[in-house]
N, C-alpha and C. Protein backbone atom coordinates (compact mmCIF):
# COMPACT_ATOMS: atom_id res chain seq x y z
N UNK A 1 -29.16 -74.28 -109.17
CA UNK A 1 -27.73 -73.98 -109.79
C UNK A 1 -27.99 -74.16 -111.59
N UNK A 2 -27.18 -73.19 -112.30
CA UNK A 2 -27.24 -73.25 -113.69
C UNK A 2 -25.80 -74.03 -114.14
N UNK A 3 -25.90 -75.14 -115.00
CA UNK A 3 -24.58 -75.55 -115.54
C UNK A 3 -24.96 -76.00 -117.05
N UNK A 4 -23.62 -75.71 -117.62
CA UNK A 4 -23.54 -75.96 -119.11
C UNK A 4 -23.40 -77.47 -119.13
N UNK A 5 -24.16 -78.29 -120.22
CA UNK A 5 -24.27 -79.64 -120.15
C UNK A 5 -23.39 -80.28 -121.47
N UNK A 6 -22.76 -81.32 -121.11
CA UNK A 6 -22.04 -82.23 -122.12
C UNK A 6 -22.96 -83.57 -122.10
N UNK A 7 -23.73 -83.74 -123.22
CA UNK A 7 -24.33 -85.13 -123.37
C UNK A 7 -23.58 -86.14 -123.74
N UNK A 8 -23.50 -87.34 -122.78
CA UNK A 8 -22.64 -88.61 -123.14
C UNK A 8 -23.69 -89.64 -122.78
N UNK A 9 -23.08 -90.84 -123.61
CA UNK A 9 -23.86 -92.03 -123.51
C UNK A 9 -23.10 -93.05 -122.38
N UNK A 10 -22.87 -92.35 -121.19
CA UNK A 10 -22.32 -92.99 -120.14
C UNK A 10 -22.82 -92.55 -118.61
N UNK A 11 -22.70 -93.24 -117.75
CA UNK A 11 -23.07 -92.94 -116.27
C UNK A 11 -21.89 -92.72 -115.67
N UNK A 12 -21.85 -91.43 -114.87
CA UNK A 12 -20.75 -91.04 -113.95
C UNK A 12 -21.39 -90.75 -112.69
N UNK A 13 -20.88 -91.19 -111.57
CA UNK A 13 -21.21 -91.05 -110.42
C UNK A 13 -20.25 -90.25 -109.45
N UNK A 14 -20.62 -89.72 -108.26
CA UNK A 14 -19.54 -89.06 -107.54
C UNK A 14 -18.31 -89.72 -107.48
N UNK A 15 -16.89 -89.07 -107.48
CA UNK A 15 -15.69 -89.64 -107.24
C UNK A 15 -15.36 -90.58 -108.65
N UNK A 16 -16.24 -90.60 -109.56
CA UNK A 16 -15.84 -91.34 -110.63
C UNK A 16 -15.33 -90.29 -111.58
N UNK A 17 -14.35 -91.01 -112.50
CA UNK A 17 -13.30 -90.18 -113.32
C UNK A 17 -13.57 -90.75 -114.88
N UNK A 18 -13.50 -89.84 -115.77
CA UNK A 18 -13.46 -90.08 -117.14
C UNK A 18 -12.72 -89.08 -118.16
N UNK A 19 -11.82 -89.70 -118.86
CA UNK A 19 -11.06 -88.93 -119.89
C UNK A 19 -12.10 -88.45 -120.96
N UNK A 20 -12.03 -87.21 -121.44
CA UNK A 20 -12.62 -86.64 -122.63
C UNK A 20 -12.04 -86.11 -123.67
N UNK A 21 -12.44 -86.34 -124.80
CA UNK A 21 -11.67 -85.73 -125.95
C UNK A 21 -12.59 -84.36 -126.39
N UNK A 22 -11.89 -83.19 -126.22
CA UNK A 22 -12.87 -81.90 -126.65
C UNK A 22 -12.49 -81.34 -127.95
N UNK A 23 -13.46 -81.21 -128.80
CA UNK A 23 -13.05 -80.56 -130.25
C UNK A 23 -14.17 -79.60 -130.68
N UNK A 24 -15.45 -79.90 -130.37
CA UNK A 24 -16.60 -78.99 -130.97
C UNK A 24 -16.32 -77.57 -130.09
N UNK A 25 -16.35 -76.49 -130.97
CA UNK A 25 -16.23 -75.14 -130.42
C UNK A 25 -17.07 -74.90 -129.22
N UNK A 26 -18.30 -75.12 -129.18
CA UNK A 26 -19.12 -74.96 -127.96
C UNK A 26 -18.67 -75.88 -126.82
N UNK A 27 -18.00 -76.81 -126.92
CA UNK A 27 -17.48 -77.61 -125.75
C UNK A 27 -16.03 -76.92 -125.38
N UNK A 28 -15.54 -76.49 -126.31
CA UNK A 28 -14.10 -75.90 -125.98
C UNK A 28 -14.36 -74.63 -125.25
N UNK A 29 -15.72 -73.82 -125.61
CA UNK A 29 -16.10 -72.72 -124.63
C UNK A 29 -16.37 -73.16 -123.31
N UNK A 30 -17.11 -74.28 -123.47
CA UNK A 30 -17.67 -74.74 -122.00
C UNK A 30 -16.39 -75.04 -121.02
N UNK A 31 -15.53 -75.79 -121.61
CA UNK A 31 -14.22 -76.01 -120.87
C UNK A 31 -13.62 -74.84 -120.18
N UNK A 32 -13.35 -73.81 -121.19
CA UNK A 32 -12.73 -72.55 -120.73
C UNK A 32 -13.41 -71.84 -119.67
N UNK A 33 -14.86 -71.88 -119.72
CA UNK A 33 -15.55 -71.26 -118.64
C UNK A 33 -15.59 -71.93 -117.20
N UNK A 34 -15.32 -73.40 -117.58
CA UNK A 34 -15.56 -74.02 -116.38
C UNK A 34 -14.01 -73.82 -115.78
N UNK A 35 -12.92 -73.58 -116.49
CA UNK A 35 -11.93 -73.50 -115.86
C UNK A 35 -11.78 -71.93 -115.01
N UNK A 36 -12.72 -71.18 -115.36
CA UNK A 36 -12.83 -69.85 -114.64
C UNK A 36 -13.75 -70.00 -113.34
N UNK A 37 -14.45 -70.96 -113.39
CA UNK A 37 -15.65 -70.91 -112.65
C UNK A 37 -15.77 -72.30 -111.59
N UNK A 38 -16.00 -71.92 -110.53
CA UNK A 38 -15.98 -73.11 -109.49
C UNK A 38 -17.05 -74.15 -109.65
N UNK A 39 -18.00 -73.65 -110.41
CA UNK A 39 -19.17 -74.69 -110.79
C UNK A 39 -18.77 -75.90 -111.38
N UNK A 40 -17.89 -75.97 -112.46
CA UNK A 40 -17.50 -76.85 -113.32
C UNK A 40 -18.59 -76.93 -114.47
N UNK A 41 -18.93 -78.13 -114.94
CA UNK A 41 -20.04 -78.18 -115.87
C UNK A 41 -20.76 -79.66 -115.41
N UNK A 42 -21.75 -80.01 -116.19
CA UNK A 42 -22.62 -81.13 -116.16
C UNK A 42 -22.35 -81.92 -117.21
N UNK A 43 -22.38 -83.29 -116.76
CA UNK A 43 -22.52 -84.42 -117.89
C UNK A 43 -23.86 -84.93 -117.84
N UNK A 44 -24.52 -84.84 -118.91
CA UNK A 44 -26.01 -85.32 -119.08
C UNK A 44 -25.98 -86.76 -119.70
N UNK A 45 -26.73 -87.75 -119.11
CA UNK A 45 -26.77 -89.02 -119.51
C UNK A 45 -27.74 -89.14 -120.75
N UNK A 46 -27.16 -89.54 -121.91
CA UNK A 46 -28.06 -89.83 -123.10
C UNK A 46 -28.56 -91.12 -123.39
N UNK A 47 -29.70 -91.34 -123.84
CA UNK A 47 -30.42 -92.87 -124.15
C UNK A 47 -29.26 -93.18 -125.20
N UNK A 48 -29.28 -94.55 -125.27
CA UNK A 48 -28.58 -95.02 -126.57
C UNK A 48 -29.38 -94.39 -127.77
N UNK A 49 -28.59 -94.01 -128.56
CA UNK A 49 -29.22 -93.48 -130.03
C UNK A 49 -30.08 -94.42 -130.64
N UNK A 50 -31.23 -93.97 -131.11
CA UNK A 50 -32.17 -94.94 -131.90
C UNK A 50 -31.73 -95.05 -133.32
N UNK A 51 -32.72 -95.44 -134.24
CA UNK A 51 -32.29 -95.78 -135.79
C UNK A 51 -31.83 -94.50 -136.29
N UNK A 52 -32.48 -93.38 -135.87
CA UNK A 52 -32.12 -91.89 -136.30
C UNK A 52 -30.75 -91.31 -135.96
N UNK A 53 -30.14 -92.17 -135.02
CA UNK A 53 -29.17 -91.40 -134.19
C UNK A 53 -29.42 -90.57 -133.23
N UNK A 54 -30.75 -90.39 -132.84
CA UNK A 54 -31.14 -89.72 -131.55
C UNK A 54 -31.21 -90.21 -130.30
N UNK A 55 -31.11 -89.64 -129.25
CA UNK A 55 -31.40 -90.19 -127.91
C UNK A 55 -31.60 -89.07 -127.02
N UNK A 56 -32.61 -89.21 -126.11
CA UNK A 56 -33.13 -88.26 -125.43
C UNK A 56 -32.03 -88.11 -124.13
N UNK A 57 -32.35 -87.12 -123.46
CA UNK A 57 -31.57 -86.80 -122.11
C UNK A 57 -32.26 -87.34 -121.03
N UNK A 58 -31.45 -88.09 -120.12
CA UNK A 58 -32.09 -88.44 -118.87
C UNK A 58 -32.11 -87.35 -117.93
N UNK A 59 -32.85 -87.35 -116.96
CA UNK A 59 -33.09 -86.22 -115.91
C UNK A 59 -31.94 -86.16 -114.90
N UNK A 60 -31.25 -87.33 -114.59
CA UNK A 60 -30.29 -87.34 -113.59
C UNK A 60 -28.82 -87.39 -114.40
N UNK A 61 -27.95 -86.62 -113.69
CA UNK A 61 -26.71 -86.40 -114.46
C UNK A 61 -25.48 -86.14 -113.37
N UNK A 62 -24.52 -85.64 -113.74
CA UNK A 62 -23.47 -85.51 -112.45
C UNK A 62 -22.81 -84.14 -112.83
N UNK A 63 -22.51 -83.44 -111.99
CA UNK A 63 -21.75 -82.24 -112.00
C UNK A 63 -20.33 -82.74 -111.84
N UNK A 64 -19.53 -82.08 -112.65
CA UNK A 64 -18.05 -82.46 -112.82
C UNK A 64 -17.09 -81.45 -112.73
N UNK A 65 -15.93 -81.56 -112.05
CA UNK A 65 -14.75 -80.64 -112.14
C UNK A 65 -13.46 -81.19 -112.91
N UNK A 66 -12.87 -80.34 -113.58
CA UNK A 66 -11.52 -80.89 -114.41
C UNK A 66 -10.58 -81.02 -113.50
N UNK A 67 -10.02 -82.20 -113.45
CA UNK A 67 -8.85 -82.54 -112.67
C UNK A 67 -7.49 -82.49 -113.46
N UNK A 68 -7.61 -82.60 -114.86
CA UNK A 68 -6.47 -82.69 -115.76
C UNK A 68 -6.49 -82.22 -117.23
N UNK A 69 -5.71 -81.34 -117.74
CA UNK A 69 -5.76 -80.73 -119.22
C UNK A 69 -4.60 -81.51 -119.65
N UNK A 70 -4.94 -81.99 -120.92
CA UNK A 70 -3.28 -82.48 -121.89
C UNK A 70 -3.82 -82.21 -123.43
N UNK A 71 -2.68 -82.32 -124.28
CA UNK A 71 -2.95 -82.32 -125.57
C UNK A 71 -2.88 -83.81 -126.02
N UNK A 72 -3.90 -84.17 -126.71
CA UNK A 72 -3.90 -85.44 -127.41
C UNK A 72 -2.88 -85.64 -128.61
N UNK A 73 -2.65 -86.85 -128.98
CA UNK A 73 -1.91 -87.27 -130.08
C UNK A 73 -2.13 -86.44 -131.62
N UNK A 74 -3.52 -86.28 -131.61
CA UNK A 74 -4.11 -85.59 -132.88
C UNK A 74 -4.20 -84.12 -132.61
N UNK A 75 -3.51 -83.60 -131.45
CA UNK A 75 -3.49 -82.12 -131.28
C UNK A 75 -4.70 -81.58 -130.58
N UNK A 76 -5.78 -82.55 -130.37
CA UNK A 76 -6.93 -81.85 -129.74
C UNK A 76 -6.65 -81.78 -128.13
N UNK A 77 -7.71 -80.96 -127.66
CA UNK A 77 -7.65 -81.09 -126.13
C UNK A 77 -8.21 -82.22 -125.57
N UNK A 78 -7.56 -82.62 -124.56
CA UNK A 78 -7.89 -83.82 -123.67
C UNK A 78 -8.24 -83.41 -122.36
N UNK A 79 -9.34 -83.74 -121.36
CA UNK A 79 -9.29 -83.44 -119.97
C UNK A 79 -9.79 -84.64 -119.50
N UNK A 80 -9.52 -84.72 -118.02
CA UNK A 80 -10.08 -85.73 -117.19
C UNK A 80 -10.79 -85.00 -116.18
N UNK A 81 -12.14 -85.37 -116.02
CA UNK A 81 -12.95 -85.04 -115.24
C UNK A 81 -13.38 -85.89 -113.95
N UNK A 82 -13.79 -85.21 -112.84
CA UNK A 82 -14.46 -86.11 -111.65
C UNK A 82 -15.64 -85.65 -111.32
N UNK A 83 -16.63 -86.61 -111.32
CA UNK A 83 -17.96 -86.07 -110.65
C UNK A 83 -17.96 -85.67 -109.22
N UNK A 84 -18.67 -84.63 -109.06
CA UNK A 84 -18.58 -84.24 -107.40
C UNK A 84 -20.05 -84.38 -106.79
N UNK A 85 -21.05 -84.38 -107.60
CA UNK A 85 -22.31 -84.97 -107.19
C UNK A 85 -23.30 -85.17 -108.17
N UNK A 86 -24.49 -85.71 -107.90
CA UNK A 86 -25.49 -85.98 -108.76
C UNK A 86 -26.49 -84.87 -108.85
N UNK A 87 -27.14 -84.77 -110.02
CA UNK A 87 -28.38 -83.82 -109.87
C UNK A 87 -29.35 -84.10 -110.77
N UNK A 88 -30.64 -83.47 -110.64
CA UNK A 88 -31.84 -83.71 -111.38
C UNK A 88 -32.07 -82.39 -112.18
N UNK A 89 -32.15 -82.28 -113.36
CA UNK A 89 -32.45 -81.45 -114.39
C UNK A 89 -33.90 -80.87 -114.31
N UNK A 90 -33.93 -79.54 -113.99
CA UNK A 90 -35.26 -78.89 -113.60
C UNK A 90 -35.66 -78.30 -115.07
N UNK A 91 -34.90 -77.47 -115.88
CA UNK A 91 -35.22 -76.91 -117.23
C UNK A 91 -33.82 -76.80 -118.02
N UNK A 92 -34.17 -76.63 -119.38
CA UNK A 92 -33.07 -76.89 -120.25
C UNK A 92 -33.34 -75.75 -121.22
N UNK A 93 -32.21 -74.88 -121.69
CA UNK A 93 -32.37 -74.21 -122.80
C UNK A 93 -30.95 -74.39 -123.69
N UNK A 94 -31.06 -74.10 -124.96
CA UNK A 94 -30.06 -74.29 -125.88
C UNK A 94 -29.58 -72.71 -126.47
N UNK A 95 -28.20 -72.47 -126.17
CA UNK A 95 -27.74 -71.48 -126.49
C UNK A 95 -27.36 -71.18 -127.98
N UNK A 96 -27.25 -70.02 -128.55
CA UNK A 96 -27.17 -69.77 -129.91
C UNK A 96 -26.00 -70.80 -130.73
N UNK A 97 -24.95 -71.23 -130.02
CA UNK A 97 -23.95 -72.06 -130.54
C UNK A 97 -24.40 -73.83 -130.29
N UNK A 98 -25.41 -73.75 -129.75
CA UNK A 98 -25.85 -75.10 -129.48
C UNK A 98 -25.46 -75.76 -128.13
N UNK A 99 -24.73 -75.02 -127.14
CA UNK A 99 -24.50 -75.54 -126.01
C UNK A 99 -25.75 -75.51 -125.21
N UNK A 100 -25.85 -76.74 -124.44
CA UNK A 100 -27.24 -76.85 -123.55
C UNK A 100 -26.68 -76.22 -122.23
N UNK A 101 -27.75 -75.55 -121.62
CA UNK A 101 -27.56 -75.11 -120.34
C UNK A 101 -28.70 -75.63 -119.51
N UNK A 102 -28.25 -75.98 -118.23
CA UNK A 102 -29.40 -76.73 -117.47
C UNK A 102 -29.61 -76.06 -116.24
N UNK A 103 -30.87 -76.01 -115.63
CA UNK A 103 -30.92 -75.40 -114.33
C UNK A 103 -31.28 -76.86 -113.68
N UNK A 104 -30.43 -77.09 -112.57
CA UNK A 104 -30.23 -78.34 -111.97
C UNK A 104 -30.62 -78.13 -110.49
N UNK A 105 -31.02 -79.58 -109.85
CA UNK A 105 -31.10 -79.30 -108.39
C UNK A 105 -30.04 -80.40 -108.03
N UNK A 106 -29.16 -79.93 -107.06
CA UNK A 106 -27.98 -80.93 -106.75
C UNK A 106 -28.62 -81.88 -105.74
N UNK A 107 -28.31 -83.12 -105.83
CA UNK A 107 -28.41 -84.21 -104.82
C UNK A 107 -27.51 -84.47 -103.76
N UNK A 108 -27.89 -84.86 -102.50
CA UNK A 108 -26.85 -85.31 -101.66
C UNK A 108 -26.06 -86.43 -102.06
N UNK A 109 -24.85 -86.46 -101.77
CA UNK A 109 -24.05 -87.89 -102.16
C UNK A 109 -24.42 -88.98 -100.97
N UNK A 110 -24.21 -90.12 -101.59
CA UNK A 110 -24.46 -91.37 -100.73
C UNK A 110 -23.36 -91.15 -99.76
N UNK A 111 -23.85 -91.58 -98.65
CA UNK A 111 -22.95 -91.53 -97.38
C UNK A 111 -22.14 -92.92 -97.31
N UNK A 112 -20.88 -92.64 -97.04
CA UNK A 112 -19.85 -93.79 -96.74
C UNK A 112 -20.36 -94.72 -95.82
N UNK A 113 -20.20 -95.91 -95.92
CA UNK A 113 -20.36 -97.00 -95.30
C UNK A 113 -19.67 -98.37 -95.47
N UNK A 114 -19.39 -99.08 -94.41
CA UNK A 114 -18.74 -100.25 -94.61
C UNK A 114 -19.10 -101.25 -95.34
N UNK A 115 -18.41 -102.07 -96.04
CA UNK A 115 -19.09 -103.32 -96.76
C UNK A 115 -19.24 -104.44 -95.86
N UNK A 116 -20.48 -105.17 -95.64
CA UNK A 116 -20.46 -106.33 -94.76
C UNK A 116 -19.64 -107.47 -95.48
N UNK A 117 -19.37 -108.41 -94.56
CA UNK A 117 -18.64 -109.53 -95.17
C UNK A 117 -19.43 -110.09 -96.16
N UNK A 118 -20.66 -110.34 -96.47
CA UNK A 118 -21.25 -110.79 -97.65
C UNK A 118 -21.02 -109.76 -98.86
N UNK A 119 -21.13 -108.65 -98.51
CA UNK A 119 -20.96 -107.63 -99.73
C UNK A 119 -19.44 -107.61 -100.27
N UNK A 120 -18.33 -108.17 -99.41
CA UNK A 120 -17.18 -107.87 -99.75
C UNK A 120 -16.75 -108.39 -100.99
N UNK A 121 -17.52 -109.49 -101.49
CA UNK A 121 -17.33 -109.92 -102.88
C UNK A 121 -17.28 -108.76 -103.84
N UNK A 122 -18.12 -107.95 -103.60
CA UNK A 122 -18.17 -106.78 -104.52
C UNK A 122 -17.03 -106.24 -104.77
N UNK A 123 -16.12 -105.84 -103.68
CA UNK A 123 -15.01 -105.08 -103.56
C UNK A 123 -13.90 -106.22 -104.32
N UNK A 124 -13.94 -107.38 -103.99
CA UNK A 124 -12.86 -108.42 -104.54
C UNK A 124 -12.95 -108.30 -106.04
N UNK A 125 -14.28 -108.36 -106.59
CA UNK A 125 -14.38 -108.43 -107.87
C UNK A 125 -14.22 -107.22 -108.74
N UNK A 126 -14.50 -105.95 -107.90
CA UNK A 126 -14.03 -104.79 -108.68
C UNK A 126 -12.61 -104.59 -108.65
N UNK A 127 -11.93 -105.19 -107.82
CA UNK A 127 -10.35 -105.08 -107.66
C UNK A 127 -9.61 -106.08 -108.82
N UNK A 128 -10.45 -107.11 -109.29
CA UNK A 128 -10.21 -107.97 -110.31
C UNK A 128 -10.29 -107.04 -111.81
N UNK A 129 -11.57 -106.44 -111.58
CA UNK A 129 -11.71 -105.63 -112.93
C UNK A 129 -10.58 -104.48 -113.14
N UNK A 130 -10.17 -103.77 -111.96
CA UNK A 130 -9.26 -102.77 -112.01
C UNK A 130 -7.79 -103.23 -112.52
N UNK A 131 -7.64 -104.61 -112.00
CA UNK A 131 -6.49 -105.23 -112.43
C UNK A 131 -6.28 -105.47 -113.98
N UNK A 132 -7.80 -105.88 -114.50
CA UNK A 132 -7.57 -106.35 -115.76
C UNK A 132 -7.63 -105.03 -116.71
N UNK A 133 -8.07 -104.01 -116.44
CA UNK A 133 -8.32 -102.67 -116.91
C UNK A 133 -7.47 -101.62 -116.27
N UNK A 134 -6.05 -101.63 -116.41
CA UNK A 134 -5.25 -100.66 -115.78
C UNK A 134 -5.63 -99.06 -115.91
N UNK A 135 -6.11 -98.88 -117.20
CA UNK A 135 -6.71 -97.53 -117.40
C UNK A 135 -7.76 -97.13 -116.35
N UNK A 136 -8.49 -97.99 -115.80
CA UNK A 136 -9.49 -97.73 -114.81
C UNK A 136 -8.93 -97.55 -113.54
N UNK A 137 -7.88 -98.29 -113.34
CA UNK A 137 -7.07 -98.17 -111.96
C UNK A 137 -6.26 -96.93 -112.08
N UNK A 138 -5.75 -96.39 -113.26
CA UNK A 138 -5.04 -95.30 -113.23
C UNK A 138 -6.03 -93.85 -113.00
N UNK A 139 -7.20 -94.01 -113.38
CA UNK A 139 -8.12 -92.97 -113.28
C UNK A 139 -8.57 -92.79 -111.69
N UNK A 140 -8.31 -93.96 -111.08
CA UNK A 140 -8.77 -93.77 -109.45
C UNK A 140 -7.54 -94.31 -108.73
N UNK A 141 -6.64 -93.30 -108.48
CA UNK A 141 -5.21 -93.63 -107.72
C UNK A 141 -5.69 -94.11 -106.21
N UNK A 142 -6.68 -93.39 -105.71
CA UNK A 142 -7.10 -93.64 -104.45
C UNK A 142 -8.30 -94.37 -104.06
N UNK A 143 -8.22 -95.70 -104.48
CA UNK A 143 -9.64 -96.45 -104.29
C UNK A 143 -9.87 -96.67 -102.87
N UNK A 144 -11.27 -96.75 -102.69
CA UNK A 144 -11.65 -97.06 -101.28
C UNK A 144 -12.53 -98.41 -101.25
N UNK A 145 -11.58 -99.37 -101.31
CA UNK A 145 -12.14 -100.93 -101.41
C UNK A 145 -13.31 -101.08 -100.49
N UNK A 146 -13.23 -100.44 -99.00
CA UNK A 146 -13.92 -100.92 -98.04
C UNK A 146 -15.39 -99.97 -97.78
N UNK A 147 -15.36 -98.86 -98.79
CA UNK A 147 -16.45 -98.17 -98.73
C UNK A 147 -17.52 -98.52 -99.71
N UNK A 148 -18.76 -98.97 -99.09
CA UNK A 148 -19.77 -99.73 -100.02
C UNK A 148 -20.31 -98.39 -100.94
N UNK A 149 -20.58 -97.12 -100.48
CA UNK A 149 -20.90 -96.12 -101.48
C UNK A 149 -19.89 -96.17 -102.88
N UNK A 150 -18.56 -96.01 -102.39
CA UNK A 150 -17.52 -95.91 -103.51
C UNK A 150 -17.70 -97.12 -104.53
N UNK A 151 -17.54 -98.34 -103.85
CA UNK A 151 -17.55 -99.60 -104.62
C UNK A 151 -18.81 -99.65 -105.40
N UNK A 152 -20.08 -99.52 -104.92
CA UNK A 152 -21.49 -99.42 -105.71
C UNK A 152 -21.12 -98.44 -106.90
N UNK A 153 -20.68 -97.25 -106.80
CA UNK A 153 -20.77 -96.18 -107.78
C UNK A 153 -19.89 -96.75 -109.05
N UNK A 154 -18.77 -97.27 -108.69
CA UNK A 154 -17.85 -97.71 -109.75
C UNK A 154 -18.30 -98.89 -110.57
N UNK A 155 -19.11 -99.71 -109.88
CA UNK A 155 -19.90 -100.98 -110.34
C UNK A 155 -21.11 -100.13 -111.47
N UNK A 156 -21.66 -99.15 -111.09
CA UNK A 156 -22.76 -98.69 -111.73
C UNK A 156 -22.13 -98.11 -113.04
N UNK A 157 -20.94 -97.59 -113.10
CA UNK A 157 -20.31 -96.88 -114.18
C UNK A 157 -19.79 -98.04 -115.09
N UNK A 158 -19.45 -99.14 -114.78
CA UNK A 158 -18.84 -100.04 -115.55
C UNK A 158 -19.71 -101.32 -116.01
N UNK A 159 -20.79 -101.68 -115.36
CA UNK A 159 -21.54 -102.60 -115.83
C UNK A 159 -22.40 -102.48 -116.67
N UNK A 160 -22.77 -103.23 -117.69
CA UNK A 160 -23.67 -102.86 -118.80
C UNK A 160 -25.16 -102.92 -118.56
N UNK A 161 -25.67 -102.17 -117.56
CA UNK A 161 -26.91 -102.52 -117.06
C UNK A 161 -27.75 -101.48 -117.89
N UNK A 162 -29.15 -101.78 -118.22
CA UNK A 162 -30.12 -100.87 -118.95
C UNK A 162 -30.13 -99.51 -118.09
N UNK A 163 -29.94 -98.40 -119.10
CA UNK A 163 -29.83 -97.14 -118.74
C UNK A 163 -30.83 -96.77 -117.80
N UNK A 164 -31.94 -97.31 -118.20
CA UNK A 164 -33.38 -96.69 -117.42
C UNK A 164 -33.05 -97.23 -115.80
N UNK A 165 -32.68 -98.31 -115.71
CA UNK A 165 -32.48 -98.85 -114.52
C UNK A 165 -31.26 -98.22 -113.73
N UNK A 166 -30.38 -98.03 -114.25
CA UNK A 166 -29.13 -97.22 -113.88
C UNK A 166 -29.71 -95.83 -113.24
N UNK A 167 -30.47 -95.29 -113.95
CA UNK A 167 -31.10 -94.12 -113.64
C UNK A 167 -31.96 -94.18 -112.21
N UNK A 168 -32.83 -95.38 -112.33
CA UNK A 168 -33.49 -95.60 -111.04
C UNK A 168 -32.66 -95.87 -109.80
N UNK A 169 -31.51 -96.51 -109.89
CA UNK A 169 -30.51 -96.79 -108.86
C UNK A 169 -30.09 -95.47 -108.50
N UNK A 170 -29.59 -94.86 -109.49
CA UNK A 170 -28.84 -93.33 -109.21
C UNK A 170 -29.84 -92.10 -108.47
N UNK A 171 -31.01 -92.63 -108.59
CA UNK A 171 -31.91 -91.73 -107.87
C UNK A 171 -32.10 -91.87 -106.43
N UNK A 172 -31.90 -93.10 -106.13
CA UNK A 172 -31.93 -93.48 -104.66
C UNK A 172 -31.29 -92.51 -103.66
N UNK A 173 -31.66 -92.46 -102.31
CA UNK A 173 -31.12 -91.63 -101.45
C UNK A 173 -29.66 -92.26 -100.81
N UNK A 174 -29.43 -93.48 -100.98
CA UNK A 174 -28.35 -94.20 -100.49
C UNK A 174 -28.03 -95.33 -101.42
N UNK A 175 -26.87 -96.04 -101.06
CA UNK A 175 -26.46 -97.05 -101.89
C UNK A 175 -27.05 -98.34 -101.76
N UNK A 176 -27.84 -98.50 -100.76
CA UNK A 176 -28.31 -100.00 -100.24
C UNK A 176 -29.29 -100.61 -101.53
N UNK A 177 -30.08 -100.13 -102.26
CA UNK A 177 -30.70 -100.58 -103.24
C UNK A 177 -29.83 -100.98 -104.32
N UNK A 178 -28.90 -100.20 -104.57
CA UNK A 178 -27.79 -100.75 -105.68
C UNK A 178 -27.15 -101.91 -105.20
N UNK A 179 -26.69 -101.92 -103.90
CA UNK A 179 -25.87 -102.99 -103.49
C UNK A 179 -26.50 -104.19 -103.49
N UNK A 180 -27.86 -104.32 -103.09
CA UNK A 180 -28.53 -105.47 -103.08
C UNK A 180 -28.65 -106.05 -104.78
N UNK A 181 -28.75 -105.14 -105.51
CA UNK A 181 -29.00 -105.55 -107.11
C UNK A 181 -27.65 -106.08 -107.35
N UNK A 182 -26.54 -105.17 -107.17
CA UNK A 182 -25.28 -105.67 -107.63
C UNK A 182 -24.90 -107.08 -107.07
N UNK A 183 -25.18 -107.42 -105.80
CA UNK A 183 -25.06 -108.73 -105.21
C UNK A 183 -25.70 -109.78 -105.79
N UNK A 184 -27.07 -109.48 -106.35
CA UNK A 184 -27.93 -110.60 -107.02
C UNK A 184 -27.22 -110.81 -108.50
N UNK A 185 -26.39 -109.72 -109.03
CA UNK A 185 -25.88 -109.98 -110.35
C UNK A 185 -24.43 -110.80 -110.08
N UNK A 186 -23.72 -110.48 -109.18
CA UNK A 186 -22.50 -110.99 -109.12
C UNK A 186 -22.20 -112.18 -108.28
N UNK A 187 -23.07 -112.34 -107.34
CA UNK A 187 -23.03 -113.69 -106.59
C UNK A 187 -23.69 -114.71 -107.41
N UNK A 188 -22.78 -115.69 -107.63
CA UNK A 188 -23.31 -117.24 -108.46
C UNK A 188 -24.58 -117.63 -107.71
N UNK A 189 -25.63 -118.04 -108.71
CA UNK A 189 -26.86 -118.90 -107.87
C UNK A 189 -26.16 -120.21 -107.63
N UNK A 190 -26.59 -120.74 -106.43
CA UNK A 190 -26.03 -122.31 -106.17
C UNK A 190 -26.79 -122.96 -107.32
N UNK A 191 -25.95 -124.26 -107.67
CA UNK A 191 -26.61 -125.16 -108.46
C UNK A 191 -27.45 -126.20 -107.57
N UNK A 192 -28.34 -126.77 -108.37
CA UNK A 192 -29.14 -127.75 -107.77
C UNK A 192 -28.48 -128.81 -107.18
N UNK A 193 -28.34 -129.07 -105.69
CA UNK A 193 -27.97 -130.37 -105.19
C UNK A 193 -26.73 -129.57 -104.33
N UNK A 194 -26.28 -128.40 -104.75
CA UNK A 194 -25.26 -127.78 -104.06
C UNK A 194 -25.38 -127.22 -102.68
N UNK A 195 -24.46 -127.49 -101.77
CA UNK A 195 -24.91 -126.98 -100.37
C UNK A 195 -24.80 -125.38 -100.37
N UNK A 196 -25.66 -124.82 -99.37
CA UNK A 196 -25.84 -123.40 -99.47
C UNK A 196 -24.71 -122.81 -98.30
């Protein structure tokens, strides 16, 4: 599948949503074309910029669909997009106006599964994050707090994890490795002398 790419320094996974401010002519064109086309467009994950302000594009990204259009206070176009699936970039080319086009291979979405009692802490803590940041809750009006895949993907979007490691977890065929990693980060280690 061929997708226009918007490179961003964030990770977005299926069912994740993000608001975007669109002002460069090439991206205005991309949005207009996505509005006429079922394919949507791709968000390419950029490395953090180096000293020269340059960052390479990672090979894993997310195909998105536009779920809302609006005019921002400064008169620019605002859109909210939702990721539909992950992809792996196979080839890239740059068009005359600078818009990147990618040939991508779509990856299967992680299957829904229930959180175990031990994993429930991930859902509880994520609900606390959503309470603290209502803008996140507003983006996800139908949260699936008991779905391990959904909870895992939202954590990977909000936690400050090294991009290389997020890409590694994103490439997995299921959410299980990411769940194990998240549990190790969020579950406090017992202190010496404390009962397990």
